[in-house]
Amino acid sequence: MWTDEIVEEIHRIREEYAKSFNYDLDAIFADLRKKEAASGRKIVTLSRKPDLTTRWSGRARNLGGARH
């Protein structure tokens, strides 16, 4: 069976990273947030806008959580 060396390397790195935090998702998330803040890059948060038309239904509906 053929294996992609790049994909295998990514899997190995991801496994080592997760193992270094004892597979604790909260600790991994905190580390990623710390790296994000230290990067100095502008952080953009994309949020849903209310009353968007969904692609499948064609009907307008409130995706922001509030009921009309």
C-alpha atoms as a PDB file:
ATOM      1  CA  MET A   1       0.000   0.000   0.000  1.00  0.00           C
ATOM      2  CA  TRP A   2       1.268   3.467  -0.915  1.00  0.00           C
ATOM      3  CA  THR A   3       1.659   6.027   1.863  1.00  0.00           C
ATOM      4  CA  ASP A   4       2.086   9.756   1.536  1.00  0.00           C
ATOM      5  CA  GLU A   5       5.204  10.835   3.432  1.00  0.00           C
ATOM      6  CA  ILE A   6       3.872  14.348   4.031  1.00  0.00           C
ATOM      7  CA  VAL A   7       0.586  13.102   5.479  1.00  0.00           C
ATOM      8  CA  GLU A   8       2.462  10.627   7.666  1.00  0.00           C
ATOM      9  CA  GLU A   9       4.692  13.437   8.956  1.00  0.00           C
ATOM     10  CA  ILE A  10       1.661  15.597   9.766  1.00  0.00           C
ATOM     11  CA  HIS A  11       0.064  12.698  11.658  1.00  0.00           C
ATOM     12  CA  ARG A  12       3.298  12.102  13.592  1.00  0.00           C
ATOM     13  CA  ILE A  13       3.643  15.793  14.529  1.00  0.00           C
ATOM     14  CA  ARG A  14      -0.017  16.019  15.552  1.00  0.00           C
ATOM     15  CA  GLU A  15       0.343  12.901  17.718  1.00  0.00           C
ATOM     16  CA  GLU A  16       3.497  14.260  19.416  1.00  0.00           C
ATOM     17  CA  TYR A  17       1.798  17.603  20.054  1.00  0.00           C
ATOM     18  CA  ALA A  18      -1.302  15.991  21.579  1.00  0.00           C
ATOM     19  CA  LYS A  19       0.823  13.604  23.642  1.00  0.00           C
ATOM     20  CA  SER A  20       2.855  16.522  25.037  1.00  0.00           C
ATOM     21  CA  PHE A  21      -0.391  17.791  26.621  1.00  0.00           C
ATOM     22  CA  ASN A  22      -1.455  14.308  27.718  1.00  0.00           C
ATOM     23  CA  TYR A  23      -4.270  14.522  25.119  1.00  0.00           C
ATOM     24  CA  ASP A  24      -5.990  17.215  27.245  1.00  0.00           C
ATOM     25  CA  LEU A  25      -8.060  19.281  24.805  1.00  0.00           C
ATOM     26  CA  ASP A  26      -8.400  22.190  27.233  1.00  0.00           C
ATOM     27  CA  ALA A  27      -4.609  22.398  27.583  1.00  0.00           C
ATOM     28  CA  ILE A  28      -4.122  22.125  23.805  1.00  0.00           C
ATOM     29  CA  PHE A  29      -6.698  24.870  23.240  1.00  0.00           C
ATOM     30  CA  ALA A  30      -5.027  27.116  25.841  1.00  0.00           C
ATOM     31  CA  ASP A  31      -1.651  26.587  24.159  1.00  0.00           C
ATOM     32  CA  LEU A  32      -3.073  27.431  20.741  1.00  0.00           C
ATOM     33  CA  ARG A  33      -4.692  30.599  22.145  1.00  0.00           C
ATOM     34  CA  LYS A  34      -1.351  31.582  23.712  1.00  0.00           C
ATOM     35  CA  LYS A  35       0.435  31.054  20.384  1.00  0.00           C
ATOM     36  CA  GLU A  36      -2.304  32.996  18.605  1.00  0.00           C
ATOM     37  CA  ALA A  37      -1.867  35.974  20.970  1.00  0.00           C
ATOM     38  CA  ALA A  38       1.925  35.854  20.687  1.00  0.00           C
ATOM     39  CA  SER A  39       1.820  35.778  16.878  1.00  0.00           C
ATOM     40  CA  GLY A  40       0.978  39.488  16.661  1.00  0.00           C
ATOM     41  CA  ARG A  41      -1.414  38.802  13.806  1.00  0.00           C
ATOM     42  CA  LYS A  42      -4.820  40.423  13.628  1.00  0.00           C
ATOM     43  CA  ILE A  43      -7.475  38.026  14.910  1.00  0.00           C
ATOM     44  CA  VAL A  44     -10.778  38.012  13.032  1.00  0.00           C
ATOM     45  CA  THR A  45     -13.918  36.439  14.454  1.00  0.00           C
ATOM     46  CA  LEU A  46     -16.575  35.573  11.920  1.00  0.00           C
ATOM     47  CA  SER A  47     -19.990  35.341  13.509  1.00  0.00           C
ATOM     48  CA  ARG A  48     -23.325  34.455  12.035  1.00  0.00           C
ATOM     49  CA  LYS A  49     -25.555  37.333  11.087  1.00  0.00           C
ATOM     50  CA  PRO A  50     -29.260  37.177  11.947  1.00  0.00           C
ATOM     51  CA  ASP A  51     -31.917  36.579   9.310  1.00  0.00           C
ATOM     52  CA  LEU A  52     -29.723  34.964   6.708  1.00  0.00           C
ATOM     53  CA  THR A  53     -31.334  32.825   4.049  1.00  0.00           C
ATOM     54  CA  THR A  54     -30.099  29.300   4.238  1.00  0.00           C
ATOM     55  CA  ARG A  55     -28.679  27.785   1.113  1.00  0.00           C
ATOM     56  CA  TRP A  56     -30.964  24.765   1.125  1.00  0.00           C
ATOM     57  CA  SER A  57     -34.281  26.008   2.375  1.00  0.00           C
ATOM     58  CA  GLY A  58     -34.519  29.296   0.483  1.00  0.00           C
ATOM     59  CA  ARG A  59     -36.443  30.657   3.481  1.00  0.00           C
ATOM     60  CA  ALA A  60     -35.208  33.460   5.696  1.00  0.00           C
ATOM     61  CA  ARG A  61     -34.648  32.321   9.238  1.00  0.00           C
ATOM     62  CA  ASN A  62     -32.921  33.715  12.250  1.00  0.00           C
ATOM     63  CA  LEU A  63     -29.615  31.915  12.791  1.00  0.00           C
ATOM     64  CA  GLY A  64     -28.637  34.141  15.724  1.00  0.00           C
ATOM     65  CA  GLY A  65     -30.649  32.244  18.325  1.00  0.00           C
ATOM     66  CA  ALA A  66     -33.447  34.789  18.920  1.00  0.00           C
ATOM     67  CA  ARG A  67     -36.997  33.772  18.076  1.00  0.00           C
ATOM     68  CA  HIS A  68     -39.470  36.122  16.347  1.00  0.00           C
END
